[in-house]
Amino acid sequence: MTITGFTHGTSEDVPLQRFEVFTGTGRRRDWSDEEKDRIVAESYSGEISVSAVARRHGLSPGQLFTWRRQVRSQAKQG
């Protein structure tokens, strides 16, 4: 998540200022197949929501839903 803000003064002699706040790791994480399997299995436990599982592991919910879809697809093929 990135938050970008602009502030400026009311007089012309105050320069425009910019600030950015970055959250998260700031890099791509390489998940092992075992980690993915464990996280996907946790997301199917029914104890907490898929989004809560994703947040707990530092994932976006969309990434976890993609992993779940891949597992279902593999199950149909195998």
C-alpha atoms as a PDB file:
ATOM      1  CA  MET A   1       0.000   0.000   0.000  1.00  0.00           C
ATOM      2  CA  THR A   2       1.264   3.455  -0.850  1.00  0.00           C
ATOM      3  CA  ILE A   3      -0.099   6.707   0.469  1.00  0.00           C
ATOM      4  CA  THR A   4       0.985   9.815  -1.343  1.00  0.00           C
ATOM      5  CA  GLY A   5       0.149  13.272  -0.091  1.00  0.00           C
ATOM      6  CA  PHE A   6       0.808  16.789  -1.180  1.00  0.00           C
ATOM      7  CA  THR A   7       0.916  19.764   1.116  1.00  0.00           C
ATOM      8  CA  HIS A   8       1.480  23.379   0.366  1.00  0.00           C
ATOM      9  CA  GLY A   9       1.388  26.653   2.190  1.00  0.00           C
ATOM     10  CA  THR A  10      -0.864  29.560   1.448  1.00  0.00           C
ATOM     11  CA  SER A  11       1.931  31.959   0.546  1.00  0.00           C
ATOM     12  CA  GLU A  12       3.967  31.735  -2.631  1.00  0.00           C
ATOM     13  CA  ASP A  13       7.301  31.522  -0.782  1.00  0.00           C
ATOM     14  CA  VAL A  14       6.447  28.141   0.815  1.00  0.00           C
ATOM     15  CA  PRO A  15       7.597  25.295  -1.436  1.00  0.00           C
ATOM     16  CA  LEU A  16       5.414  22.395  -2.381  1.00  0.00           C
ATOM     17  CA  GLN A  17       6.184  19.331  -0.262  1.00  0.00           C
ATOM     18  CA  ARG A  18       5.536  15.697  -1.064  1.00  0.00           C
ATOM     19  CA  PHE A  19       5.563  12.679   1.204  1.00  0.00           C
ATOM     20  CA  GLU A  20       5.023   8.975   0.596  1.00  0.00           C
ATOM     21  CA  VAL A  21       4.368   6.202   3.076  1.00  0.00           C
ATOM     22  CA  PHE A  22       5.207   2.668   1.991  1.00  0.00           C
ATOM     23  CA  THR A  23       3.991  -0.315   3.964  1.00  0.00           C
ATOM     24  CA  GLY A  24       4.734  -3.984   3.532  1.00  0.00           C
ATOM     25  CA  THR A  25       7.956  -5.727   2.664  1.00  0.00           C
ATOM     26  CA  GLY A  26       8.674  -3.635  -0.400  1.00  0.00           C
ATOM     27  CA  ARG A  27       9.814  -6.681  -2.336  1.00  0.00           C
ATOM     28  CA  ARG A  28       8.391  -9.798  -3.873  1.00  0.00           C
ATOM     29  CA  ARG A  29       8.431 -12.802  -1.612  1.00  0.00           C
ATOM     30  CA  ASP A  30       9.246 -16.243  -2.935  1.00  0.00           C
ATOM     31  CA  TRP A  31       6.885 -18.693  -1.227  1.00  0.00           C
ATOM     32  CA  SER A  32       7.818 -22.367  -1.167  1.00  0.00           C
ATOM     33  CA  ASP A  33       5.206 -24.871  -2.297  1.00  0.00           C
ATOM     34  CA  GLU A  34       4.982 -26.154   1.290  1.00  0.00           C
ATOM     35  CA  GLU A  35       4.271 -22.648   2.618  1.00  0.00           C
ATOM     36  CA  LYS A  36       1.614 -22.070  -0.025  1.00  0.00           C
ATOM     37  CA  ASP A  37      -0.026 -25.422   0.724  1.00  0.00           C
ATOM     38  CA  ARG A  38      -0.081 -24.684   4.458  1.00  0.00           C
ATOM     39  CA  ILE A  39      -1.561 -21.194   3.963  1.00  0.00           C
ATOM     40  CA  VAL A  40      -4.179 -22.455   1.480  1.00  0.00           C
ATOM     41  CA  ALA A  41      -5.153 -25.266   3.871  1.00  0.00           C
ATOM     42  CA  GLU A  42      -5.495 -22.722   6.686  1.00  0.00           C
ATOM     43  CA  SER A  43      -7.754 -20.611   4.475  1.00  0.00           C
ATOM     44  CA  TYR A  44     -10.098 -23.613   4.066  1.00  0.00           C
ATOM     45  CA  SER A  45     -10.279 -24.316   7.809  1.00  0.00           C
ATOM     46  CA  GLY A  46     -13.366 -22.135   8.219  1.00  0.00           C
ATOM     47  CA  GLU A  47     -12.104 -20.706  11.498  1.00  0.00           C
ATOM     48  CA  ILE A  48     -11.271 -17.262  10.055  1.00  0.00           C
ATOM     49  CA  SER A  49     -11.942 -15.542   6.748  1.00  0.00           C
ATOM     50  CA  VAL A  50      -9.702 -15.955   3.728  1.00  0.00           C
ATOM     51  CA  SER A  51      -8.839 -12.253   3.914  1.00  0.00           C
ATOM     52  CA  ALA A  52      -7.819 -12.586   7.565  1.00  0.00           C
ATOM     53  CA  VAL A  53      -5.557 -15.543   6.716  1.00  0.00           C
ATOM     54  CA  ALA A  54      -3.981 -13.505   3.916  1.00  0.00           C
ATOM     55  CA  ARG A  55      -3.344 -10.514   6.202  1.00  0.00           C
ATOM     56  CA  ARG A  56      -1.861 -12.763   8.879  1.00  0.00           C
ATOM     57  CA  HIS A  57       0.733 -14.003   6.387  1.00  0.00           C
ATOM     58  CA  GLY A  58       1.403 -10.645   4.716  1.00  0.00           C
ATOM     59  CA  LEU A  59      -0.397 -11.525   1.488  1.00  0.00           C
ATOM     60  CA  SER A  60      -3.013  -9.676  -0.438  1.00  0.00           C
ATOM     61  CA  PRO A  61      -6.357 -11.493  -0.359  1.00  0.00           C
ATOM     62  CA  GLY A  62      -6.269 -11.605  -4.158  1.00  0.00           C
ATOM     63  CA  GLN A  63      -3.018 -13.574  -4.091  1.00  0.00           C
ATOM     64  CA  LEU A  64      -4.456 -16.115  -1.689  1.00  0.00           C
ATOM     65  CA  PHE A  65      -7.621 -16.480  -3.771  1.00  0.00           C
ATOM     66  CA  THR A  66      -5.382 -17.121  -6.802  1.00  0.00           C
ATOM     67  CA  TRP A  67      -3.502 -19.845  -4.928  1.00  0.00           C
ATOM     68  CA  ARG A  68      -6.809 -21.429  -3.894  1.00  0.00           C
ATOM     69  CA  ARG A  69      -8.021 -21.378  -7.508  1.00  0.00           C
ATOM     70  CA  GLN A  70      -4.755 -23.009  -8.653  1.00  0.00           C
ATOM     71  CA  VAL A  71      -5.148 -25.785  -6.066  1.00  0.00           C
ATOM     72  CA  ARG A  72      -8.725 -26.461  -7.204  1.00  0.00           C
ATOM     73  CA  SER A  73      -7.573 -26.547 -10.830  1.00  0.00           C
ATOM     74  CA  GLN A  74      -4.783 -29.005 -10.014  1.00  0.00           C
ATOM     75  CA  ALA A  75      -7.221 -31.217  -8.111  1.00  0.00           C
ATOM     76  CA  LYS A  76      -9.527 -31.402 -11.140  1.00  0.00           C
ATOM     77  CA  GLN A  77      -6.621 -32.344 -13.442  1.00  0.00           C
ATOM     78  CA  GLY A  78      -5.020 -34.870 -11.095  1.00  0.00           C
END
